[in-house]
N, C-alpha and C. Protein backbone atom coordinates (compact mmCIF):
# COMPACT_ATOMS: atom_id res chain seq x y z
N MET A 1 0.84 -1.19 0.00
CA MET A 1 0.00 0.00 0.00
C MET A 1 0.89 1.25 0.00
N MET A 2 0.49 2.24 -0.77
CA MET A 2 1.26 3.48 -0.91
C MET A 2 0.99 4.40 0.29
N ASP A 3 2.04 4.89 0.91
CA ASP A 3 1.84 5.82 2.02
C ASP A 3 1.69 7.25 1.49
N TRP A 4 1.34 8.16 2.37
CA TRP A 4 1.05 9.54 1.97
C TRP A 4 2.25 10.24 1.36
N ALA A 5 3.44 10.02 1.92
CA ALA A 5 4.64 10.68 1.41
C ALA A 5 4.95 10.22 -0.01
N GLU A 6 4.80 8.92 -0.25
CA GLU A 6 5.06 8.40 -1.59
C GLU A 6 4.01 8.90 -2.59
N LEU A 7 2.77 8.95 -2.16
CA LEU A 7 1.69 9.47 -3.01
C LEU A 7 1.94 10.94 -3.35
N PHE A 8 2.31 11.72 -2.33
CA PHE A 8 2.60 13.13 -2.56
C PHE A 8 3.78 13.31 -3.51
N ASN A 9 4.83 12.54 -3.30
CA ASN A 9 6.02 12.67 -4.14
C ASN A 9 5.74 12.25 -5.58
N THR A 10 4.86 11.29 -5.77
CA THR A 10 4.54 10.82 -7.11
C THR A 10 3.83 11.89 -7.93
N TYR A 11 2.92 12.61 -7.29
CA TYR A 11 2.08 13.57 -8.01
C TYR A 11 2.35 15.03 -7.67
N ARG A 12 3.44 15.32 -6.97
CA ARG A 12 3.66 16.69 -6.51
C ARG A 12 3.90 17.65 -7.67
N ALA A 13 4.68 17.28 -8.66
CA ALA A 13 4.95 18.19 -9.78
C ALA A 13 3.68 18.42 -10.60
N THR A 14 2.93 17.37 -10.84
CA THR A 14 1.68 17.51 -11.59
C THR A 14 0.71 18.39 -10.84
N ALA A 15 0.58 18.19 -9.54
CA ALA A 15 -0.33 19.01 -8.73
C ALA A 15 0.13 20.47 -8.70
N GLN A 16 1.44 20.68 -8.59
CA GLN A 16 1.94 22.05 -8.56
C GLN A 16 1.68 22.74 -9.89
N HIS A 17 1.92 22.06 -10.99
CA HIS A 17 1.71 22.67 -12.30
C HIS A 17 0.24 22.94 -12.57
N LEU A 18 -0.62 22.01 -12.18
CA LEU A 18 -2.07 22.23 -12.33
C LEU A 18 -2.51 23.42 -11.49
N THR A 19 -2.01 23.50 -10.27
CA THR A 19 -2.32 24.64 -9.40
C THR A 19 -1.83 25.94 -10.02
N ALA A 20 -0.63 25.93 -10.59
CA ALA A 20 -0.08 27.13 -11.21
C ALA A 20 -0.93 27.58 -12.39
N PHE A 21 -1.38 26.63 -13.21
CA PHE A 21 -2.22 27.00 -14.36
C PHE A 21 -3.59 27.51 -13.93
N LEU A 22 -4.18 26.88 -12.91
CA LEU A 22 -5.47 27.36 -12.41
C LEU A 22 -5.33 28.75 -11.78
N LEU A 23 -4.25 28.94 -11.04
CA LEU A 23 -3.99 30.24 -10.44
C LEU A 23 -3.75 31.29 -11.52
N ALA A 24 -3.05 30.92 -12.58
CA ALA A 24 -2.81 31.84 -13.69
C ALA A 24 -4.12 32.27 -14.33
N ALA A 25 -5.03 31.33 -14.51
CA ALA A 25 -6.34 31.67 -15.08
C ALA A 25 -7.10 32.63 -14.17
N ALA A 26 -7.07 32.37 -12.86
CA ALA A 26 -7.75 33.26 -11.92
C ALA A 26 -7.10 34.64 -11.88
N ILE A 27 -5.78 34.67 -11.92
CA ILE A 27 -5.07 35.95 -11.90
C ILE A 27 -5.33 36.73 -13.18
N TRP A 28 -5.39 36.03 -14.29
CA TRP A 28 -5.65 36.74 -15.54
C TRP A 28 -7.04 37.38 -15.52
N ARG A 29 -7.96 36.74 -14.80
CA ARG A 29 -9.32 37.28 -14.71
C ARG A 29 -9.45 38.37 -13.64
N TRP A 30 -8.91 38.13 -12.45
CA TRP A 30 -9.16 39.04 -11.33
C TRP A 30 -7.93 39.74 -10.79
N GLY A 31 -6.75 39.37 -11.22
CA GLY A 31 -5.53 39.95 -10.66
C GLY A 31 -5.14 41.26 -11.32
N GLY A 32 -4.17 41.90 -10.72
CA GLY A 32 -3.64 43.15 -11.26
C GLY A 32 -2.35 42.90 -12.03
N GLY A 33 -1.72 43.98 -12.43
CA GLY A 33 -0.48 43.90 -13.20
C GLY A 33 0.64 43.14 -12.50
N PRO A 34 0.94 43.45 -11.24
CA PRO A 34 2.01 42.70 -10.57
C PRO A 34 1.72 41.20 -10.46
N GLU A 35 0.48 40.86 -10.19
CA GLU A 35 0.13 39.44 -10.10
C GLU A 35 0.33 38.75 -11.45
N ARG A 36 -0.05 39.42 -12.52
CA ARG A 36 0.12 38.83 -13.86
C ARG A 36 1.59 38.65 -14.20
N TRP A 37 2.40 39.63 -13.86
CA TRP A 37 3.84 39.51 -14.12
C TRP A 37 4.45 38.39 -13.28
N LEU A 38 4.01 38.27 -12.02
CA LEU A 38 4.56 37.24 -11.15
C LEU A 38 4.19 35.84 -11.64
N ILE A 39 2.93 35.63 -11.98
CA ILE A 39 2.54 34.28 -12.43
C ILE A 39 3.14 33.98 -13.80
N GLY A 40 3.28 34.99 -14.64
CA GLY A 40 3.92 34.78 -15.94
C GLY A 40 5.37 34.36 -15.78
N THR A 41 6.07 35.03 -14.87
CA THR A 41 7.46 34.67 -14.59
C THR A 41 7.53 33.27 -14.00
N PHE A 42 6.62 32.96 -13.10
CA PHE A 42 6.60 31.63 -12.48
C PHE A 42 6.40 30.55 -13.54
N LEU A 43 5.42 30.74 -14.41
CA LEU A 43 5.15 29.73 -15.43
C LEU A 43 6.32 29.59 -16.40
N ALA A 44 6.92 30.73 -16.79
CA ALA A 44 8.01 30.70 -17.76
C ALA A 44 9.29 30.10 -17.20
N THR A 45 9.51 30.23 -15.90
CA THR A 45 10.78 29.77 -15.34
C THR A 45 10.67 28.51 -14.48
N MET A 46 9.49 28.22 -13.96
CA MET A 46 9.37 27.06 -13.07
C MET A 46 8.61 25.90 -13.72
N VAL A 47 7.70 26.20 -14.61
CA VAL A 47 6.85 25.15 -15.19
C VAL A 47 7.31 24.79 -16.60
N LEU A 48 7.44 25.78 -17.45
CA LEU A 48 7.79 25.53 -18.85
C LEU A 48 9.11 24.76 -19.01
N PRO A 49 10.18 25.10 -18.28
CA PRO A 49 11.43 24.32 -18.45
C PRO A 49 11.27 22.84 -18.11
N ILE A 50 10.42 22.51 -17.16
CA ILE A 50 10.21 21.11 -16.80
C ILE A 50 9.63 20.34 -17.99
N TYR A 51 8.68 20.96 -18.68
CA TYR A 51 8.07 20.30 -19.83
C TYR A 51 9.02 20.26 -21.03
N VAL A 52 9.85 21.27 -21.19
CA VAL A 52 10.85 21.23 -22.26
C VAL A 52 11.84 20.09 -22.02
N VAL A 53 12.28 19.94 -20.78
CA VAL A 53 13.19 18.84 -20.43
C VAL A 53 12.51 17.50 -20.68
N TRP A 54 11.24 17.41 -20.34
CA TRP A 54 10.50 16.17 -20.51
C TRP A 54 10.29 15.86 -22.00
N TRP A 55 9.90 16.89 -22.78
CA TRP A 55 9.67 16.69 -24.22
C TRP A 55 10.95 16.30 -24.96
N LEU A 56 12.06 16.90 -24.55
CA LEU A 56 13.34 16.60 -25.21
C LEU A 56 14.02 15.35 -24.62
N ASP A 57 13.40 14.78 -23.58
CA ASP A 57 13.91 13.57 -22.93
C ASP A 57 15.36 13.75 -22.48
N LEU A 58 15.60 14.81 -21.71
CA LEU A 58 16.96 15.13 -21.25
C LEU A 58 17.31 14.48 -19.92
N GLY A 59 16.38 13.82 -19.27
CA GLY A 59 16.65 13.19 -17.98
C GLY A 59 16.52 14.19 -16.85
N ALA A 60 17.27 13.95 -15.79
CA ALA A 60 17.24 14.84 -14.61
C ALA A 60 18.14 16.05 -14.89
N ALA A 61 17.53 17.12 -15.36
CA ALA A 61 18.30 18.30 -15.77
C ALA A 61 18.91 19.03 -14.59
N GLU A 62 18.35 18.87 -13.41
CA GLU A 62 18.85 19.60 -12.25
C GLU A 62 20.21 19.11 -11.78
N VAL A 63 20.55 17.86 -12.07
CA VAL A 63 21.81 17.30 -11.59
C VAL A 63 22.74 16.87 -12.71
N GLY A 64 22.26 16.84 -13.93
CA GLY A 64 23.08 16.38 -15.06
C GLY A 64 23.87 17.50 -15.69
N PRO A 65 24.19 17.31 -16.96
CA PRO A 65 24.98 18.32 -17.66
C PRO A 65 24.22 19.62 -17.92
N TYR A 66 22.91 19.59 -17.74
CA TYR A 66 22.10 20.79 -17.95
C TYR A 66 21.85 21.58 -16.67
N ALA A 67 22.51 21.20 -15.59
CA ALA A 67 22.34 21.90 -14.31
C ALA A 67 22.69 23.38 -14.41
N PRO A 68 23.75 23.79 -15.13
CA PRO A 68 24.02 25.23 -15.26
C PRO A 68 22.89 25.99 -15.96
N VAL A 69 22.20 25.34 -16.89
CA VAL A 69 21.06 25.99 -17.55
C VAL A 69 19.94 26.21 -16.55
N MET A 70 19.68 25.21 -15.73
CA MET A 70 18.64 25.35 -14.70
C MET A 70 19.02 26.44 -13.70
N PHE A 71 20.30 26.53 -13.38
CA PHE A 71 20.77 27.60 -12.49
C PHE A 71 20.52 28.97 -13.12
N LEU A 72 20.84 29.11 -14.39
CA LEU A 72 20.63 30.40 -15.07
C LEU A 72 19.15 30.75 -15.16
N ILE A 73 18.30 29.75 -15.33
CA ILE A 73 16.86 30.01 -15.34
C ILE A 73 16.42 30.51 -13.97
N ASP A 74 16.94 29.91 -12.89
CA ASP A 74 16.59 30.38 -11.55
C ASP A 74 17.14 31.78 -11.28
N VAL A 75 18.32 32.09 -11.80
CA VAL A 75 18.87 33.44 -11.64
C VAL A 75 18.00 34.44 -12.39
N PHE A 76 17.59 34.11 -13.61
CA PHE A 76 16.70 34.99 -14.37
C PHE A 76 15.40 35.21 -13.61
N ALA A 77 14.84 34.14 -13.04
CA ALA A 77 13.60 34.27 -12.26
C ALA A 77 13.83 35.18 -11.06
N ALA A 78 14.97 35.05 -10.39
CA ALA A 78 15.26 35.90 -9.23
C ALA A 78 15.35 37.36 -9.64
N VAL A 79 16.04 37.65 -10.74
CA VAL A 79 16.16 39.03 -11.21
C VAL A 79 14.77 39.58 -11.55
N GLN A 80 13.97 38.78 -12.23
CA GLN A 80 12.63 39.22 -12.61
C GLN A 80 11.75 39.45 -11.38
N PHE A 81 11.78 38.53 -10.42
CA PHE A 81 10.98 38.67 -9.20
C PHE A 81 11.41 39.89 -8.39
N VAL A 82 12.71 40.13 -8.30
CA VAL A 82 13.19 41.31 -7.56
C VAL A 82 12.74 42.59 -8.26
N ALA A 83 12.83 42.63 -9.58
CA ALA A 83 12.40 43.82 -10.32
C ALA A 83 10.91 44.07 -10.13
N ILE A 84 10.11 43.02 -10.16
CA ILE A 84 8.67 43.18 -9.94
C ILE A 84 8.42 43.64 -8.51
N ALA A 85 9.10 43.03 -7.55
CA ALA A 85 8.88 43.37 -6.14
C ALA A 85 9.25 44.82 -5.84
N LEU A 86 10.30 45.33 -6.47
CA LEU A 86 10.72 46.70 -6.20
C LEU A 86 9.79 47.73 -6.84
N ASN A 87 9.06 47.33 -7.85
CA ASN A 87 8.19 48.27 -8.55
C ASN A 87 6.71 48.10 -8.23
N ALA A 88 6.32 46.97 -7.68
CA ALA A 88 4.91 46.72 -7.39
C ALA A 88 4.46 47.49 -6.15
N ASN A 89 3.21 47.88 -6.15
CA ASN A 89 2.61 48.56 -5.01
C ASN A 89 1.97 47.53 -4.08
N ARG A 90 2.74 46.50 -3.76
CA ARG A 90 2.32 45.44 -2.86
C ARG A 90 3.55 44.97 -2.08
N ASN A 91 3.30 44.29 -0.95
CA ASN A 91 4.41 43.81 -0.13
C ASN A 91 4.79 42.36 -0.41
N TYR A 92 3.84 41.53 -0.74
CA TYR A 92 4.12 40.10 -0.85
C TYR A 92 5.11 39.73 -1.97
N PRO A 93 5.26 40.51 -3.06
CA PRO A 93 6.28 40.14 -4.05
C PRO A 93 7.70 40.12 -3.48
N LEU A 94 7.93 40.88 -2.42
CA LEU A 94 9.25 40.82 -1.77
C LEU A 94 9.52 39.43 -1.20
N TRP A 95 8.50 38.80 -0.65
CA TRP A 95 8.64 37.45 -0.11
C TRP A 95 8.87 36.44 -1.24
N ILE A 96 8.16 36.63 -2.35
CA ILE A 96 8.35 35.74 -3.49
C ILE A 96 9.79 35.85 -4.01
N ALA A 97 10.29 37.07 -4.11
CA ALA A 97 11.68 37.27 -4.55
C ALA A 97 12.65 36.66 -3.54
N GLY A 98 12.37 36.80 -2.26
CA GLY A 98 13.23 36.22 -1.24
C GLY A 98 13.31 34.70 -1.33
N PHE A 99 12.17 34.06 -1.56
CA PHE A 99 12.19 32.60 -1.72
C PHE A 99 12.97 32.19 -2.96
N GLN A 100 12.90 32.98 -4.01
CA GLN A 100 13.67 32.66 -5.21
C GLN A 100 15.16 32.81 -4.94
N LEU A 101 15.53 33.77 -4.13
CA LEU A 101 16.94 33.94 -3.78
C LEU A 101 17.45 32.75 -2.96
N VAL A 102 16.57 32.15 -2.16
CA VAL A 102 16.95 30.93 -1.44
C VAL A 102 17.30 29.83 -2.43
N ALA A 103 16.50 29.68 -3.49
CA ALA A 103 16.77 28.65 -4.50
C ALA A 103 18.08 28.92 -5.22
N VAL A 104 18.36 30.19 -5.53
CA VAL A 104 19.61 30.53 -6.22
C VAL A 104 20.81 30.23 -5.33
N VAL A 105 20.72 30.57 -4.06
CA VAL A 105 21.83 30.29 -3.13
C VAL A 105 22.01 28.79 -2.96
N ALA A 106 20.93 28.02 -3.00
CA ALA A 106 21.05 26.56 -2.91
C ALA A 106 21.81 26.00 -4.10
N HIS A 107 21.58 26.57 -5.28
CA HIS A 107 22.37 26.15 -6.45
C HIS A 107 23.85 26.44 -6.22
N ALA A 108 24.15 27.59 -5.66
CA ALA A 108 25.54 27.95 -5.40
C ALA A 108 26.17 27.01 -4.38
N VAL A 109 25.43 26.68 -3.34
CA VAL A 109 25.93 25.74 -2.33
C VAL A 109 26.18 24.38 -2.96
N GLN A 110 25.26 23.94 -3.81
CA GLN A 110 25.41 22.65 -4.46
C GLN A 110 26.67 22.59 -5.32
N SER A 111 27.00 23.71 -5.95
CA SER A 111 28.20 23.70 -6.80
C SER A 111 29.50 23.81 -6.00
N MET A 112 29.43 24.33 -4.78
CA MET A 112 30.64 24.53 -3.99
C MET A 112 30.92 23.41 -3.00
N VAL A 113 29.89 22.75 -2.50
CA VAL A 113 30.06 21.76 -1.43
C VAL A 113 29.63 20.39 -1.95
N ASP A 114 30.47 19.40 -1.75
CA ASP A 114 30.16 18.05 -2.24
C ASP A 114 29.36 17.22 -1.25
N THR A 115 29.37 17.58 0.03
CA THR A 115 28.77 16.73 1.05
C THR A 115 27.32 17.07 1.38
N VAL A 116 26.68 17.93 0.62
CA VAL A 116 25.29 18.27 0.89
C VAL A 116 24.41 17.14 0.36
N THR A 117 23.46 16.71 1.18
CA THR A 117 22.59 15.61 0.76
C THR A 117 21.67 16.05 -0.37
N PRO A 118 21.35 15.15 -1.28
CA PRO A 118 20.44 15.49 -2.38
C PRO A 118 19.06 15.93 -1.89
N PHE A 119 18.60 15.35 -0.77
CA PHE A 119 17.30 15.73 -0.24
C PHE A 119 17.30 17.19 0.22
N ALA A 120 18.38 17.61 0.88
CA ALA A 120 18.47 19.00 1.33
C ALA A 120 18.50 19.96 0.15
N ILE A 121 19.24 19.62 -0.87
CA ILE A 121 19.29 20.46 -2.07
C ILE A 121 17.93 20.51 -2.74
N ALA A 122 17.25 19.38 -2.82
CA ALA A 122 15.92 19.36 -3.43
C ALA A 122 14.94 20.23 -2.65
N VAL A 123 15.01 20.16 -1.33
CA VAL A 123 14.12 20.99 -0.51
C VAL A 123 14.43 22.47 -0.72
N LEU A 124 15.70 22.83 -0.80
CA LEU A 124 16.08 24.23 -0.94
C LEU A 124 15.87 24.78 -2.35
N ILE A 125 15.91 23.93 -3.36
CA ILE A 125 15.73 24.40 -4.73
C ILE A 125 14.27 24.31 -5.16
N ILE A 126 13.60 23.21 -4.82
CA ILE A 126 12.22 23.00 -5.25
C ILE A 126 11.23 23.57 -4.25
N GLY A 127 11.54 23.47 -2.96
CA GLY A 127 10.61 23.90 -1.91
C GLY A 127 10.12 25.32 -2.01
N PRO A 128 10.98 26.29 -2.32
CA PRO A 128 10.50 27.68 -2.38
C PRO A 128 9.38 27.92 -3.39
N SER A 129 9.32 27.11 -4.44
CA SER A 129 8.27 27.33 -5.45
C SER A 129 6.88 27.07 -4.88
N TYR A 130 6.77 26.14 -3.94
CA TYR A 130 5.48 25.91 -3.30
C TYR A 130 5.07 27.12 -2.46
N CYS A 131 6.04 27.67 -1.74
CA CYS A 131 5.77 28.88 -0.94
C CYS A 131 5.41 30.05 -1.85
N GLN A 132 6.07 30.15 -2.99
CA GLN A 132 5.77 31.24 -3.93
C GLN A 132 4.34 31.13 -4.44
N LEU A 133 3.90 29.93 -4.75
CA LEU A 133 2.51 29.77 -5.21
C LEU A 133 1.52 30.14 -4.13
N LEU A 134 1.80 29.73 -2.89
CA LEU A 134 0.90 30.09 -1.79
C LEU A 134 0.86 31.59 -1.57
N LEU A 135 2.03 32.22 -1.63
CA LEU A 135 2.08 33.68 -1.48
C LEU A 135 1.34 34.38 -2.61
N LEU A 136 1.49 33.88 -3.81
CA LEU A 136 0.80 34.48 -4.95
C LEU A 136 -0.71 34.31 -4.83
N LEU A 137 -1.15 33.16 -4.36
CA LEU A 137 -2.58 32.96 -4.13
C LEU A 137 -3.09 33.92 -3.06
N GLY A 138 -2.38 34.02 -1.95
CA GLY A 138 -2.78 34.95 -0.89
C GLY A 138 -2.74 36.40 -1.35
N GLY A 139 -1.72 36.77 -2.11
CA GLY A 139 -1.63 38.13 -2.62
C GLY A 139 -2.74 38.46 -3.58
N CYS A 140 -3.10 37.51 -4.41
CA CYS A 140 -4.20 37.73 -5.36
C CYS A 140 -5.53 37.88 -4.61
N LEU A 141 -5.72 37.05 -3.60
CA LEU A 141 -6.95 37.16 -2.80
C LEU A 141 -7.01 38.50 -2.07
N ARG A 142 -5.89 38.95 -1.51
CA ARG A 142 -5.87 40.25 -0.83
C ARG A 142 -6.12 41.39 -1.81
N HIS A 143 -5.54 41.29 -3.01
CA HIS A 143 -5.77 42.31 -4.03
C HIS A 143 -7.25 42.36 -4.40
N TRP A 144 -7.82 41.18 -4.65
CA TRP A 144 -9.23 41.13 -5.01
C TRP A 144 -10.10 41.70 -3.90
N ARG A 145 -9.81 41.33 -2.64
CA ARG A 145 -10.60 41.82 -1.51
C ARG A 145 -10.47 43.33 -1.35
N ARG A 146 -9.25 43.84 -1.49
CA ARG A 146 -9.03 45.28 -1.33
C ARG A 146 -9.73 46.05 -2.45
N GLU A 147 -9.63 45.56 -3.67
CA GLU A 147 -10.27 46.23 -4.79
C GLU A 147 -11.80 46.15 -4.68
N HIS A 148 -12.30 45.04 -4.19
CA HIS A 148 -13.74 44.88 -3.99
C HIS A 148 -14.25 45.81 -2.90
N ARG A 149 -13.46 45.99 -1.86
CA ARG A 149 -13.88 46.81 -0.72
C ARG A 149 -13.69 48.31 -0.96
N PHE A 150 -12.54 48.71 -1.55
CA PHE A 150 -12.20 50.13 -1.66
C PHE A 150 -12.17 50.67 -3.09
N GLY A 151 -12.26 49.79 -4.08
CA GLY A 151 -12.19 50.23 -5.46
C GLY A 151 -10.77 50.12 -6.01
N PRO A 152 -10.58 50.52 -7.26
CA PRO A 152 -9.26 50.40 -7.88
C PRO A 152 -8.20 51.23 -7.15
N TYR A 153 -7.00 50.74 -7.20
CA TYR A 153 -5.87 51.44 -6.59
C TYR A 153 -4.65 51.25 -7.49
N ARG A 154 -3.62 52.02 -7.23
CA ARG A 154 -2.42 52.01 -8.06
C ARG A 154 -1.72 50.64 -7.97
N GLU A 155 -1.36 50.08 -9.13
CA GLU A 155 -0.71 48.77 -9.16
C GLU A 155 0.80 48.86 -8.96
N TRP A 156 1.40 49.92 -9.47
CA TRP A 156 2.84 50.06 -9.44
C TRP A 156 3.21 51.31 -8.64
N ARG A 157 4.41 51.35 -8.12
CA ARG A 157 4.88 52.51 -7.37
C ARG A 157 4.97 53.71 -8.30
N ALA A 158 4.68 54.88 -7.76
CA ALA A 158 4.74 56.11 -8.56
C ALA A 158 6.19 56.48 -8.86
N ALA A 159 7.06 56.30 -7.90
CA ALA A 159 8.48 56.60 -8.08
C ALA A 159 9.27 55.34 -7.72
N PRO A 160 10.35 55.09 -8.40
CA PRO A 160 11.14 53.90 -8.06
C PRO A 160 11.74 54.02 -6.67
N PRO A 161 11.86 52.89 -5.97
CA PRO A 161 12.46 52.96 -4.64
C PRO A 161 13.94 53.32 -4.76
N GLY A 162 14.42 53.94 -3.75
CA GLY A 162 15.83 54.31 -3.78
C GLY A 162 16.22 55.06 -2.54
N LEU A 163 17.46 55.42 -2.52
CA LEU A 163 18.00 56.18 -1.40
C LEU A 163 17.77 57.66 -1.68
N ARG A 164 16.83 58.25 -1.00
CA ARG A 164 16.49 59.65 -1.24
C ARG A 164 17.66 60.57 -0.90
N TRP A 165 18.44 60.22 0.08
CA TRP A 165 19.55 61.08 0.48
C TRP A 165 20.68 61.05 -0.55
N PHE A 166 20.69 59.98 -1.38
CA PHE A 166 21.76 59.84 -2.33
C PHE A 166 21.59 60.80 -3.53
N ARG A 167 20.33 61.12 -3.82
CA ARG A 167 20.06 62.03 -4.95
C ARG A 167 20.36 63.47 -4.56
N MET A 168 20.93 64.20 -5.48
CA MET A 168 21.26 65.59 -5.17
C MET A 168 20.58 66.52 -6.12
């Protein structure tokens, strides 16, 4: 008989991708600009590469010869998430960017240290994406609730964040 952990591990990627697509549909209907950019980045960097690897039958791309490509995809996602977080008129994108930075640092640790267990690396590289989806769901719900209660509001910051004292 299959236990819960084995059942979860068997279908976790499929469930995550289905959740991401359903969330993308909901965000496209009810979300704002930052939510759309966040889910678009998530789908382009976390979901689409998995299917490309599967379609091309490349094997385990995270640990094989294609690991540097997966690292670069995660770095691109981190840059994109940070850019969205710094310009969005919301707080939760900062958390999404932070979780992506955890995944990028885990790639760096994996390349520098030989004694890290594969399970720990998997948790640090794959785990943040689950948190990102939950944060995006919560952020979309808060956006919808705020817009429903108070009406439309600004999606992006009026001025870019920065050090005000630095400007002369």
